[in-house]
Amino acid sequence: MLKWNYRRAPIVALATAGIAVGSVIAARAVMASDHQDTPLVELSPRYDINDVYAFPAPGNPSHTVLVLGTSSPLTPAQTPSFTFGTKDQELYQIKIDNTGDAREDLVFQLTFTGKSGKQKVTLRGPVAPATVGTMNTLAGGKQIKGYTNTVIQSGDIKLFAGPRDDPFFIDLETFFRILPDRRPSTGPLSEITQGPLTFRPVGQAVDFVRGFNDMAIVIELPTSMIANSATNGRFGVWGTASRIRN
């Protein structure tokens, strides 16, 4: 299971995905984003999907670690009071395609209850979804429950949900000088205008998100639980965050 503190920890991702899709419970799709791609998500940061990672578990190559990062960047001062969206508002999902048709065959669904510092998390999955695409319902079957900021283990599955140092590396100031239309709508970076159409030289790049956190969902489990021999063990991974509308 991954362990993090406020120091940087390198992550090598074998498969990554961050997609702008939404899903709902018995309702139509809403919104999500990859690294604050839209002002709407910037103002609703819990819907912000940063990155999805999949890689062999350290020390246990027969297991896979799946990570869904959300809600970045959070300063260390902001982190203790930030929460995942609660069950009546949001549904977080990691979806697995293990047949090669770009449609989810298995899902992990996570919901949260409670306030900052006392949130409980419920994991459903891996389980076949009742529906695929942007129309989603909560899955049945076994549930794993526990508190955020702790490692929860049930059988061969480990779960952690809580703040972690954002492992993404990007020179945001230079990026927004190249593509100023992608800059945020508030804060100092919103004032950036067009600049040189190139990144800084090697060795001079600035990791803008160094020292910032995100709200991470980390699942470790046997690879056999999500892989399919028909595709030689290859699988696709992506994540969604949805607003629940009753």
C-alpha atoms as a PDB file:
ATOM      1  CA  MET A   1       0.000   0.000   0.000  1.00  0.00           C
ATOM      2  CA  LEU A   2       1.300   3.442  -0.822  1.00  0.00           C
ATOM      3  CA  LYS A   3       2.575   5.588   2.011  1.00  0.00           C
ATOM      4  CA  TRP A   4       2.892   9.326   1.620  1.00  0.00           C
ATOM      5  CA  ASN A   5       3.830  12.340   3.626  1.00  0.00           C
ATOM      6  CA  TYR A   6       4.450  15.920   2.623  1.00  0.00           C
ATOM      7  CA  ARG A   7       7.705  15.022   0.914  1.00  0.00           C
ATOM      8  CA  ARG A   8       7.595  14.239  -2.780  1.00  0.00           C
ATOM      9  CA  ALA A   9       7.287  10.553  -3.598  1.00  0.00           C
ATOM     10  CA  PRO A  10       7.885   9.389  -7.174  1.00  0.00           C
ATOM     11  CA  ILE A  11       5.181   7.409  -8.921  1.00  0.00           C
ATOM     12  CA  VAL A  12       5.674   5.572 -12.197  1.00  0.00           C
ATOM     13  CA  ALA A  13       2.317   4.986 -13.868  1.00  0.00           C
ATOM     14  CA  LEU A  14       1.876   2.095 -16.262  1.00  0.00           C
ATOM     15  CA  ALA A  15      -1.533   3.348 -17.326  1.00  0.00           C
ATOM     16  CA  THR A  16      -2.969   6.793 -16.738  1.00  0.00           C
ATOM     17  CA  ALA A  17      -6.201   8.464 -17.678  1.00  0.00           C
ATOM     18  CA  GLY A  18      -8.090  11.562 -16.680  1.00  0.00           C
ATOM     19  CA  ILE A  19     -11.304  12.123 -18.577  1.00  0.00           C
ATOM     20  CA  ALA A  20     -13.982  14.788 -18.708  1.00  0.00           C
ATOM     21  CA  VAL A  21     -17.044  12.647 -18.177  1.00  0.00           C
ATOM     22  CA  GLY A  22     -19.708  12.423 -15.534  1.00  0.00           C
ATOM     23  CA  SER A  23     -22.046   9.823 -14.154  1.00  0.00           C
ATOM     24  CA  VAL A  24     -25.069   9.993 -11.902  1.00  0.00           C
ATOM     25  CA  ILE A  25     -27.342   7.822  -9.847  1.00  0.00           C
ATOM     26  CA  ALA A  26     -30.599   7.426 -11.772  1.00  0.00           C
ATOM     27  CA  ALA A  27     -30.058  10.743 -13.550  1.00  0.00           C
ATOM     28  CA  ARG A  28     -28.121  12.302 -16.400  1.00  0.00           C
ATOM     29  CA  ALA A  29     -24.442  13.142 -16.552  1.00  0.00           C
ATOM     30  CA  VAL A  30     -23.140  16.282 -14.930  1.00  0.00           C
ATOM     31  CA  MET A  31     -19.522  17.366 -14.857  1.00  0.00           C
ATOM     32  CA  ALA A  32     -15.978  16.341 -14.109  1.00  0.00           C
ATOM     33  CA  SER A  33     -12.585  17.425 -15.306  1.00  0.00           C
ATOM     34  CA  ASP A  34      -8.903  16.741 -15.572  1.00  0.00           C
ATOM     35  CA  HIS A  35      -6.796  19.208 -13.538  1.00  0.00           C
ATOM     36  CA  GLN A  36      -9.231  22.127 -13.433  1.00  0.00           C
ATOM     37  CA  ASP A  37      -9.936  22.141 -17.150  1.00  0.00           C
ATOM     38  CA  THR A  38     -13.070  24.262 -16.780  1.00  0.00           C
ATOM     39  CA  PRO A  39     -14.072  27.240 -14.599  1.00  0.00           C
ATOM     40  CA  LEU A  40     -17.143  25.290 -13.477  1.00  0.00           C
ATOM     41  CA  VAL A  41     -14.974  22.544 -11.995  1.00  0.00           C
ATOM     42  CA  GLU A  42     -12.462  25.053 -10.640  1.00  0.00           C
ATOM     43  CA  LEU A  43     -15.272  26.473  -8.515  1.00  0.00           C
ATOM     44  CA  SER A  44     -16.441  22.957  -7.526  1.00  0.00           C
ATOM     45  CA  PRO A  45     -13.067  21.302  -6.788  1.00  0.00           C
ATOM     46  CA  ARG A  46     -14.417  18.015  -5.455  1.00  0.00           C
ATOM     47  CA  TYR A  47     -15.445  17.138  -9.022  1.00  0.00           C
ATOM     48  CA  ASP A  48     -11.917  17.751 -10.294  1.00  0.00           C
ATOM     49  CA  ILE A  49     -10.243  14.518 -11.388  1.00  0.00           C
ATOM     50  CA  ASN A  50      -6.506  15.018 -11.550  1.00  0.00           C
ATOM     51  CA  ASP A  51      -4.993  11.720 -12.651  1.00  0.00           C
ATOM     52  CA  VAL A  52      -5.634   7.994 -12.601  1.00  0.00           C
ATOM     53  CA  TYR A  53      -2.676   5.683 -11.980  1.00  0.00           C
ATOM     54  CA  ALA A  54      -2.309   1.892 -12.249  1.00  0.00           C
ATOM     55  CA  PHE A  55       0.936   0.119 -11.371  1.00  0.00           C
ATOM     56  CA  PRO A  56       2.248  -3.070  -9.722  1.00  0.00           C
ATOM     57  CA  ALA A  57       2.091  -2.960  -5.944  1.00  0.00           C
ATOM     58  CA  PRO A  58       5.505  -2.283  -4.363  1.00  0.00           C
ATOM     59  CA  GLY A  59       6.888  -5.543  -3.011  1.00  0.00           C
ATOM     60  CA  ASN A  60       3.975  -7.587  -4.369  1.00  0.00           C
ATOM     61  CA  PRO A  61       3.994  -7.838  -8.180  1.00  0.00           C
ATOM     62  CA  SER A  62       0.886 -10.041  -8.187  1.00  0.00           C
ATOM     63  CA  HIS A  63      -1.137  -7.066  -6.915  1.00  0.00           C
ATOM     64  CA  THR A  64      -2.096  -3.848  -8.693  1.00  0.00           C
ATOM     65  CA  VAL A  65      -2.484  -0.396  -7.163  1.00  0.00           C
ATOM     66  CA  LEU A  66      -5.165   1.939  -8.558  1.00  0.00           C
ATOM     67  CA  VAL A  67      -5.098   5.616  -7.634  1.00  0.00           C
ATOM     68  CA  LEU A  68      -7.706   8.290  -8.336  1.00  0.00           C
ATOM     69  CA  GLY A  69      -6.508  11.794  -7.460  1.00  0.00           C
ATOM     70  CA  THR A  70      -9.025  14.604  -7.018  1.00  0.00           C
ATOM     71  CA  SER A  71      -9.284  18.193  -5.810  1.00  0.00           C
ATOM     72  CA  SER A  72      -5.806  19.562  -6.433  1.00  0.00           C
ATOM     73  CA  PRO A  73      -4.052  21.810  -5.607  1.00  0.00           C
ATOM     74  CA  LEU A  74      -4.614  21.991  -1.857  1.00  0.00           C
ATOM     75  CA  THR A  75      -2.118  23.797   0.330  1.00  0.00           C
ATOM     76  CA  PRO A  76      -1.078  22.110   3.599  1.00  0.00           C
ATOM     77  CA  ALA A  77      -3.185  24.724   5.405  1.00  0.00           C
ATOM     78  CA  GLN A  78      -6.294  23.915   3.339  1.00  0.00           C
ATOM     79  CA  THR A  79      -5.882  20.143   3.540  1.00  0.00           C
ATOM     80  CA  PRO A  80      -7.168  19.306   7.067  1.00  0.00           C
ATOM     81  CA  SER A  81     -10.561  20.920   6.469  1.00  0.00           C
ATOM     82  CA  PHE A  82     -11.123  19.585   2.943  1.00  0.00           C
ATOM     83  CA  THR A  83     -13.428  16.613   2.402  1.00  0.00           C
ATOM     84  CA  PHE A  84     -14.604  14.218  -0.234  1.00  0.00           C
ATOM     85  CA  GLY A  85     -18.136  14.850  -1.471  1.00  0.00           C
ATOM     86  CA  THR A  86     -20.765  13.214   0.682  1.00  0.00           C
ATOM     87  CA  LYS A  87     -23.085  10.439  -0.432  1.00  0.00           C
ATOM     88  CA  ASP A  88     -26.035  12.722  -1.169  1.00  0.00           C
ATOM     89  CA  GLN A  89     -23.818  14.827  -3.461  1.00  0.00           C
ATOM     90  CA  GLU A  90     -21.119  12.828  -5.192  1.00  0.00           C
ATOM     91  CA  LEU A  91     -20.120   9.425  -6.490  1.00  0.00           C
ATOM     92  CA  TYR A  92     -16.478   8.596  -7.265  1.00  0.00           C
ATOM     93  CA  GLN A  93     -15.713   5.705  -9.590  1.00  0.00           C
ATOM     94  CA  ILE A  94     -12.713   3.851 -11.007  1.00  0.00           C
ATOM     95  CA  LYS A  95     -13.729   1.891 -14.090  1.00  0.00           C
ATOM     96  CA  ILE A  96     -11.984  -1.103 -15.659  1.00  0.00           C
ATOM     97  CA  ASP A  97     -12.222  -2.317 -19.260  1.00  0.00           C
ATOM     98  CA  ASN A  98     -10.647  -5.787 -19.442  1.00  0.00           C
ATOM     99  CA  THR A  99     -12.134  -6.894 -22.764  1.00  0.00           C
ATOM    100  CA  GLY A 100     -10.718  -4.202 -25.038  1.00  0.00           C
ATOM    101  CA  ASP A 101     -14.007  -2.598 -26.125  1.00  0.00           C
ATOM    102  CA  ALA A 102     -13.511   0.730 -24.259  1.00  0.00           C
ATOM    103  CA  ARG A 103     -16.556   0.044 -22.068  1.00  0.00           C
ATOM    104  CA  GLU A 104     -16.373  -0.634 -18.357  1.00  0.00           C
ATOM    105  CA  ASP A 105     -16.592  -4.296 -17.371  1.00  0.00           C
ATOM    106  CA  LEU A 106     -15.904  -3.682 -13.686  1.00  0.00           C
ATOM    107  CA  VAL A 107     -16.316  -0.646 -11.444  1.00  0.00           C
ATOM    108  CA  PHE A 108     -15.149   0.503  -8.043  1.00  0.00           C
ATOM    109  CA  GLN A 109     -17.688   2.907  -6.562  1.00  0.00           C
ATOM    110  CA  LEU A 110     -16.874   5.080  -3.550  1.00  0.00           C
ATOM    111  CA  THR A 111     -19.189   7.214  -1.453  1.00  0.00           C
ATOM    112  CA  PHE A 112     -18.461   9.248   1.671  1.00  0.00           C
ATOM    113  CA  THR A 113     -20.420  10.438   4.685  1.00  0.00           C
ATOM    114  CA  GLY A 114     -19.602  12.736   7.572  1.00  0.00           C
ATOM    115  CA  LYS A 115     -17.694  15.958   8.086  1.00  0.00           C
ATOM    116  CA  SER A 116     -14.037  16.913   7.905  1.00  0.00           C
ATOM    117  CA  GLY A 117     -11.863  14.713  10.087  1.00  0.00           C
ATOM    118  CA  LYS A 118     -14.646  12.169  10.664  1.00  0.00           C
ATOM    119  CA  GLN A 119     -15.555  10.980   7.192  1.00  0.00           C
ATOM    120  CA  LYS A 120     -16.490   7.387   6.518  1.00  0.00           C
ATOM    121  CA  VAL A 121     -15.880   5.747   3.151  1.00  0.00           C
ATOM    122  CA  THR A 122     -17.793   2.898   1.508  1.00  0.00           C
ATOM    123  CA  LEU A 123     -16.260   0.933  -1.373  1.00  0.00           C
ATOM    124  CA  ARG A 124     -18.341  -1.184  -3.702  1.00  0.00           C
ATOM    125  CA  GLY A 125     -16.433  -3.399  -6.112  1.00  0.00           C
ATOM    126  CA  PRO A 126     -14.830  -4.620  -8.137  1.00  0.00           C
ATOM    127  CA  VAL A 127     -18.250  -5.476  -9.497  1.00  0.00           C
ATOM    128  CA  ALA A 128     -19.914  -5.524 -12.896  1.00  0.00           C
ATOM    129  CA  PRO A 129     -21.932  -2.322 -13.350  1.00  0.00           C
ATOM    130  CA  ALA A 130     -25.681  -2.450 -13.809  1.00  0.00           C
ATOM    131  CA  THR A 131     -25.313   0.089 -16.642  1.00  0.00           C
ATOM    132  CA  VAL A 132     -22.340   1.421 -18.595  1.00  0.00           C
ATOM    133  CA  GLY A 133     -21.471   4.891 -19.815  1.00  0.00           C
ATOM    134  CA  THR A 134     -22.730   8.068 -18.187  1.00  0.00           C
ATOM    135  CA  MET A 135     -25.865   6.547 -16.603  1.00  0.00           C
ATOM    136  CA  ASN A 136     -24.834   4.797 -13.391  1.00  0.00           C
ATOM    137  CA  THR A 137     -26.543   3.271 -10.390  1.00  0.00           C
ATOM    138  CA  LEU A 138     -24.983   2.141  -7.141  1.00  0.00           C
ATOM    139  CA  ALA A 139     -23.815  -1.444  -7.417  1.00  0.00           C
ATOM    140  CA  GLY A 140     -24.876  -4.205  -5.090  1.00  0.00           C
ATOM    141  CA  GLY A 141     -22.752  -6.899  -3.508  1.00  0.00           C
ATOM    142  CA  LYS A 142     -20.084  -6.741  -0.821  1.00  0.00           C
ATOM    143  CA  GLN A 143     -19.133  -3.390   0.666  1.00  0.00           C
ATOM    144  CA  ILE A 144     -15.924  -2.349   2.409  1.00  0.00           C
ATOM    145  CA  LYS A 145     -16.310   0.396   5.001  1.00  0.00           C
ATOM    146  CA  GLY A 146     -14.011   2.386   7.219  1.00  0.00           C
ATOM    147  CA  TYR A 147     -12.669   5.850   7.996  1.00  0.00           C
ATOM    148  CA  THR A 148     -10.674   8.144   5.771  1.00  0.00           C
ATOM    149  CA  ASN A 149      -6.969   8.723   6.496  1.00  0.00           C
ATOM    150  CA  THR A 150      -6.509   5.092   7.542  1.00  0.00           C
ATOM    151  CA  VAL A 151      -5.569   1.936   5.630  1.00  0.00           C
ATOM    152  CA  ILE A 152      -8.631  -0.306   5.491  1.00  0.00           C
ATOM    153  CA  GLN A 153      -8.139  -3.987   4.678  1.00  0.00           C
ATOM    154  CA  SER A 154     -10.813  -6.517   3.803  1.00  0.00           C
ATOM    155  CA  GLY A 155      -9.487  -9.849   2.590  1.00  0.00           C
ATOM    156  CA  ASP A 156      -7.003  -9.181  -0.215  1.00  0.00           C
ATOM    157  CA  ILE A 157      -8.217  -5.606  -0.827  1.00  0.00           C
ATOM    158  CA  LYS A 158      -6.648  -2.542   0.791  1.00  0.00           C
ATOM    159  CA  LEU A 159      -8.221   0.891   0.634  1.00  0.00           C
ATOM    160  CA  PHE A 160      -7.015   4.359   1.574  1.00  0.00           C
ATOM    161  CA  ALA A 161      -8.849   7.638   1.022  1.00  0.00           C
ATOM    162  CA  GLY A 162      -7.411  10.932   2.159  1.00  0.00           C
ATOM    163  CA  PRO A 163      -4.952  13.737   1.401  1.00  0.00           C
ATOM    164  CA  ARG A 164      -1.660  12.914  -0.276  1.00  0.00           C
ATOM    165  CA  ASP A 165       1.112  14.896  -1.944  1.00  0.00           C
ATOM    166  CA  ASP A 166       0.100  15.468  -5.581  1.00  0.00           C
ATOM    167  CA  PRO A 167       2.628  13.436  -7.640  1.00  0.00           C
ATOM    168  CA  PHE A 168       1.934  15.330 -10.874  1.00  0.00           C
ATOM    169  CA  PHE A 169       4.852  17.409 -12.250  1.00  0.00           C
ATOM    170  CA  ILE A 170       4.116  20.492 -14.334  1.00  0.00           C
ATOM    171  CA  ASP A 171       5.484  23.997 -14.845  1.00  0.00           C
ATOM    172  CA  LEU A 172       2.068  25.658 -14.806  1.00  0.00           C
ATOM    173  CA  GLU A 173       3.316  29.216 -15.287  1.00  0.00           C
ATOM    174  CA  THR A 174       5.060  28.282 -18.526  1.00  0.00           C
ATOM    175  CA  PHE A 175       2.171  26.069 -19.603  1.00  0.00           C
ATOM    176  CA  PHE A 176      -0.307  28.941 -19.299  1.00  0.00           C
ATOM    177  CA  ARG A 177       2.031  31.275 -21.184  1.00  0.00           C
ATOM    178  CA  ILE A 178       1.925  28.793 -24.064  1.00  0.00           C
ATOM    179  CA  LEU A 179      -1.839  28.168 -23.755  1.00  0.00           C
ATOM    180  CA  PRO A 180      -3.295  31.162 -21.876  1.00  0.00           C
ATOM    181  CA  ASP A 181      -6.862  30.132 -22.722  1.00  0.00           C
ATOM    182  CA  ARG A 182      -6.416  27.183 -20.326  1.00  0.00           C
ATOM    183  CA  ARG A 183      -5.460  29.333 -17.329  1.00  0.00           C
ATOM    184  CA  PRO A 184      -7.682  29.388 -14.215  1.00  0.00           C
ATOM    185  CA  SER A 185     -10.377  32.021 -13.801  1.00  0.00           C
ATOM    186  CA  THR A 186      -9.114  33.243 -10.407  1.00  0.00           C
ATOM    187  CA  GLY A 187      -5.779  33.744  -8.647  1.00  0.00           C
ATOM    188  CA  PRO A 188      -2.393  34.981  -9.904  1.00  0.00           C
ATOM    189  CA  LEU A 189      -2.184  32.417 -12.706  1.00  0.00           C
ATOM    190  CA  SER A 190      -5.366  33.878 -14.202  1.00  0.00           C
ATOM    191  CA  GLU A 191      -3.385  37.030 -15.122  1.00  0.00           C
ATOM    192  CA  ILE A 192      -0.886  35.230 -17.347  1.00  0.00           C
ATOM    193  CA  THR A 193      -0.834  36.257 -21.004  1.00  0.00           C
ATOM    194  CA  GLN A 194       0.757  34.750 -24.106  1.00  0.00           C
ATOM    195  CA  GLY A 195       4.519  34.221 -23.796  1.00  0.00           C
ATOM    196  CA  PRO A 196       7.280  32.212 -25.488  1.00  0.00           C
ATOM    197  CA  LEU A 197       5.876  29.064 -27.081  1.00  0.00           C
ATOM    198  CA  THR A 198       8.378  26.818 -25.339  1.00  0.00           C
ATOM    199  CA  PHE A 199       9.054  25.357 -21.933  1.00  0.00           C
ATOM    200  CA  ARG A 200      12.054  26.331 -19.832  1.00  0.00           C
ATOM    201  CA  PRO A 201      15.398  24.618 -20.561  1.00  0.00           C
ATOM    202  CA  VAL A 202      16.204  21.283 -18.951  1.00  0.00           C
ATOM    203  CA  GLY A 203      17.198  21.824 -15.351  1.00  0.00           C
ATOM    204  CA  GLN A 204      15.286  25.094 -15.021  1.00  0.00           C
ATOM    205  CA  ALA A 205      11.734  23.761 -14.974  1.00  0.00           C
ATOM    206  CA  VAL A 206       9.601  24.573 -11.952  1.00  0.00           C
ATOM    207  CA  ASP A 207       7.307  21.955 -10.410  1.00  0.00           C
ATOM    208  CA  PHE A 208       4.412  24.256  -9.615  1.00  0.00           C
ATOM    209  CA  VAL A 209       2.418  21.658  -7.633  1.00  0.00           C
ATOM    210  CA  ARG A 210       5.344  20.692  -5.399  1.00  0.00           C
ATOM    211  CA  GLY A 211       4.118  20.887  -1.808  1.00  0.00           C
ATOM    212  CA  PHE A 212       0.443  20.804  -2.801  1.00  0.00           C
ATOM    213  CA  ASN A 213      -1.867  17.928  -1.935  1.00  0.00           C
ATOM    214  CA  ASP A 214      -4.821  16.238  -3.535  1.00  0.00           C
ATOM    215  CA  MET A 215      -7.558  14.004  -2.152  1.00  0.00           C
ATOM    216  CA  ALA A 216      -6.479  10.518  -3.185  1.00  0.00           C
ATOM    217  CA  ILE A 217      -8.379   7.261  -3.405  1.00  0.00           C
ATOM    218  CA  VAL A 218      -5.950   4.305  -3.380  1.00  0.00           C
ATOM    219  CA  ILE A 219      -6.964   0.678  -3.884  1.00  0.00           C
ATOM    220  CA  GLU A 220      -4.596  -2.303  -3.827  1.00  0.00           C
ATOM    221  CA  LEU A 221      -5.858  -5.735  -4.827  1.00  0.00           C
ATOM    222  CA  PRO A 222      -4.785  -8.927  -6.624  1.00  0.00           C
ATOM    223  CA  THR A 223      -4.422  -8.249 -10.341  1.00  0.00           C
ATOM    224  CA  SER A 224      -6.386 -11.453 -11.000  1.00  0.00           C
ATOM    225  CA  MET A 225      -9.509  -9.703  -9.659  1.00  0.00           C
ATOM    226  CA  ILE A 226      -9.541  -7.195 -12.538  1.00  0.00           C
ATOM    227  CA  ALA A 227      -7.506  -8.819 -15.346  1.00  0.00           C
ATOM    228  CA  ASN A 228      -8.882 -11.038 -18.086  1.00  0.00           C
ATOM    229  CA  SER A 229      -6.907 -13.872 -19.671  1.00  0.00           C
ATOM    230  CA  ALA A 230      -8.741 -13.255 -22.958  1.00  0.00           C
ATOM    231  CA  THR A 231      -6.821  -9.969 -23.318  1.00  0.00           C
ATOM    232  CA  ASN A 232      -3.546 -11.363 -21.919  1.00  0.00           C
ATOM    233  CA  GLY A 233      -4.091  -9.473 -18.690  1.00  0.00           C
ATOM    234  CA  ARG A 234      -4.265  -6.049 -20.349  1.00  0.00           C
ATOM    235  CA  PHE A 235      -6.891  -3.639 -19.047  1.00  0.00           C
ATOM    236  CA  GLY A 236      -7.855   0.020 -19.330  1.00  0.00           C
ATOM    237  CA  VAL A 237      -8.507   2.296 -16.359  1.00  0.00           C
ATOM    238  CA  TRP A 238     -10.340   5.620 -16.029  1.00  0.00           C
ATOM    239  CA  GLY A 239     -12.126   7.573 -13.352  1.00  0.00           C
ATOM    240  CA  THR A 240     -15.269   9.661 -12.967  1.00  0.00           C
ATOM    241  CA  ALA A 241     -16.750  12.015 -10.405  1.00  0.00           C
ATOM    242  CA  SER A 242     -20.456  12.738 -10.497  1.00  0.00           C
ATOM    243  CA  ARG A 243     -23.056  14.901  -8.873  1.00  0.00           C
ATOM    244  CA  ILE A 244     -25.940  12.859  -7.563  1.00  0.00           C
ATOM    245  CA  ARG A 245     -29.358  14.211  -8.462  1.00  0.00           C
ATOM    246  CA  ASN A 246     -32.368  12.700  -6.780  1.00  0.00           C
END
